[in-house]
Amino acid sequence: MRRILAARPSEYDNVCIMGTPEAPKEKYSRFLYYDKNGMPTVALHWEKYMKHALEKYNQIYKEELPEITPHICRHTYATIKVADGMSPKTLQHLMGHESIETTMQYYVHWNQELTEAEVARLDELNDCEDDDDDLDET
């Protein structure tokens, strides 16, 4: 990482560190977390933190957790948000994807349980409409 920084120092000038008054550079102003050197944290940082936490957990508890990476968390987030009813276009924007196909085809993992829940929701809506029709007839 340091070699990358040395090769392109102008890209990292005036990086806004959370809690400091410097004006952010447009490319690095939207990062949520920074490392101890004031640089944006990247997936590799989080993968390392998660691996460390997972190792500690698995040392303490008998039932071990499987490998969890930041990328797996992105897929899980996308699937849960769509299941909760978030608009796919909104999710596409939040995920930073250029194409809705990327979001829906590669990140959202639909399953039978989600399909059954959606059908049940539609049945409920249909039942409500039938009840409204009954009220109109009286």
Protein backbone atom coordinates (compact mmCIF):
# COMPACT_ATOMS: atom_id res chain seq x y z
CA MET A 1 0.00 0.00 0.00
CA ARG A 2 2.81 2.41 0.84
CA ARG A 3 4.34 1.88 -2.63
CA ILE A 4 1.01 2.77 -4.20
CA LEU A 5 0.84 5.93 -2.09
CA ALA A 6 4.39 6.90 -3.02
CA ALA A 7 3.66 6.39 -6.70
CA ARG A 8 0.54 8.57 -6.66
CA PRO A 9 0.85 11.06 -3.79
CA SER A 10 -1.34 13.73 -5.42
CA GLU A 11 -4.37 11.41 -5.28
CA TYR A 12 -4.04 11.19 -1.50
CA ASP A 13 -3.35 14.87 -0.71
CA ASN A 14 -5.73 16.44 1.81
CA VAL A 15 -7.61 13.24 2.59
CA CYS A 16 -10.38 14.10 5.03
CA ILE A 17 -9.91 12.10 8.19
CA MET A 18 -13.08 11.76 10.25
CA GLY A 19 -13.10 14.39 12.96
CA THR A 20 -10.53 16.67 11.31
CA PRO A 21 -11.27 20.02 9.66
CA GLU A 22 -9.40 19.46 6.36
CA ALA A 23 -11.46 19.80 3.19
CA PRO A 24 -11.96 16.37 1.62
CA LYS A 25 -10.70 15.44 -1.81
CA GLU A 26 -13.64 14.35 -3.95
CA LYS A 27 -12.31 10.84 -4.58
CA TYR A 28 -11.67 9.99 -0.92
CA SER A 29 -14.30 11.99 0.91
CA ARG A 30 -16.93 9.24 1.00
CA PHE A 31 -14.97 6.62 2.93
CA LEU A 32 -16.50 5.72 6.28
CA TYR A 33 -13.37 4.50 8.04
CA TYR A 34 -9.70 5.35 7.97
CA ASP A 35 -6.72 3.42 9.27
CA LYS A 36 -4.29 4.65 11.94
CA ASN A 37 -2.29 6.46 9.23
CA GLY A 38 -5.34 8.39 8.03
CA MET A 39 -5.78 6.38 4.84
CA PRO A 40 -9.13 4.90 3.77
CA THR A 41 -9.57 1.32 4.94
CA VAL A 42 -10.02 -1.18 2.15
CA ALA A 43 -11.52 -4.66 1.96
CA LEU A 44 -8.18 -6.24 2.87
CA HIS A 45 -8.20 -4.39 6.23
CA TRP A 46 -11.71 -5.61 7.01
CA GLU A 47 -10.92 -9.13 5.86
CA LYS A 48 -8.02 -9.18 8.30
CA TYR A 49 -10.17 -7.83 11.17
CA MET A 50 -12.92 -10.35 10.44
CA LYS A 51 -10.48 -13.25 10.18
CA HIS A 52 -8.97 -12.31 13.54
CA ALA A 53 -12.40 -12.08 15.20
CA LEU A 54 -13.45 -15.39 13.62
CA GLU A 55 -10.31 -17.13 14.88
CA LYS A 56 -10.94 -15.84 18.41
CA TYR A 57 -14.58 -16.95 18.28
CA ASN A 58 -13.67 -20.41 16.99
CA GLN A 59 -11.08 -20.84 19.77
CA ILE A 60 -13.69 -20.09 22.43
CA TYR A 61 -16.81 -21.87 21.14
CA LYS A 62 -17.25 -25.50 20.13
CA GLU A 63 -19.50 -24.82 17.15
CA GLU A 64 -17.22 -23.00 14.73
CA LEU A 65 -18.37 -20.33 12.33
CA PRO A 66 -17.53 -20.62 8.61
CA GLU A 67 -15.23 -18.14 6.88
CA ILE A 68 -16.88 -14.71 6.60
CA THR A 69 -15.42 -12.00 4.37
CA PRO A 70 -16.48 -8.42 3.60
CA HIS A 71 -17.58 -9.60 0.17
CA ILE A 72 -19.85 -12.24 1.69
CA CYS A 73 -21.34 -9.46 3.84
CA ARG A 74 -22.08 -7.41 0.67
CA HIS A 75 -23.98 -10.34 -0.84
CA THR A 76 -25.88 -10.90 2.41
CA TYR A 77 -26.76 -7.21 2.68
CA ALA A 78 -28.08 -7.12 -0.90
CA THR A 79 -30.21 -10.22 -0.44
CA ILE A 80 -31.69 -9.02 2.87
CA LYS A 81 -32.47 -5.54 1.53
CA VAL A 82 -34.38 -6.91 -1.49
CA ALA A 83 -36.21 -9.40 0.75
CA ASP A 84 -37.18 -6.47 3.02
CA GLY A 85 -38.70 -4.72 0.00
CA MET A 86 -35.97 -2.26 -1.01
CA SER A 87 -36.23 -1.14 -4.61
CA PRO A 88 -33.63 -2.88 -6.76
CA LYS A 89 -32.69 0.50 -8.29
CA THR A 90 -32.06 1.95 -4.82
CA LEU A 91 -29.96 -1.08 -3.94
CA GLN A 92 -28.02 -0.73 -7.19
CA HIS A 93 -27.18 2.84 -6.24
CA LEU A 94 -26.18 1.94 -2.68
CA MET A 95 -23.99 -0.92 -3.90
CA GLY A 96 -22.29 1.36 -6.43
CA HIS A 97 -23.11 -0.81 -9.41
CA GLU A 98 -23.31 0.68 -12.89
CA SER A 99 -25.78 -1.98 -14.02
CA ILE A 100 -28.91 -3.29 -12.31
CA GLU A 101 -27.99 -6.69 -13.79
CA THR A 102 -24.85 -6.83 -11.63
CA THR A 103 -26.88 -6.14 -8.51
CA MET A 104 -29.67 -8.59 -9.21
CA GLN A 105 -27.79 -11.38 -10.97
CA TYR A 106 -24.60 -11.56 -8.91
CA TYR A 107 -25.39 -10.05 -5.51
CA VAL A 108 -28.99 -10.92 -4.68
CA HIS A 109 -29.36 -14.61 -3.84
CA TRP A 110 -33.02 -15.48 -4.10
CA ASN A 111 -34.33 -18.73 -2.65
CA GLN A 112 -37.58 -20.66 -2.29
CA GLU A 113 -38.29 -19.22 1.16
CA LEU A 114 -38.13 -15.67 -0.19
CA THR A 115 -40.38 -16.60 -3.11
CA GLU A 116 -42.97 -18.15 -0.78
CA ALA A 117 -42.92 -15.06 1.46
CA GLU A 118 -43.49 -12.80 -1.55
CA VAL A 119 -46.39 -14.96 -2.79
CA ALA A 120 -47.95 -14.87 0.70
CA ARG A 121 -47.62 -11.07 0.72
CA LEU A 122 -49.35 -10.86 -2.65
CA ASP A 123 -52.12 -13.19 -1.43
CA GLU A 124 -52.65 -10.90 1.56
CA LEU A 125 -52.94 -7.89 -0.73
CA ASN A 126 -55.41 -9.77 -2.91
CA ASP A 127 -57.50 -10.73 0.14
CA CYS A 128 -57.61 -7.07 1.20
CA GLU A 129 -58.81 -6.07 -2.27
CA ASP A 130 -61.53 -8.75 -2.13
CA ASP A 131 -62.67 -7.39 1.25
CA ASP A 132 -62.86 -3.89 -0.25
CA ASP A 133 -64.99 -5.22 -3.12
CA ASP A 134 -67.37 -6.82 -0.60
CA LEU A 135 -67.78 -3.45 1.16
CA ASP A 136 -68.58 -1.73 -2.15
CA GLU A 137 -71.40 -4.19 -2.90
CA THR A 138 -73.25 -3.54 0.38
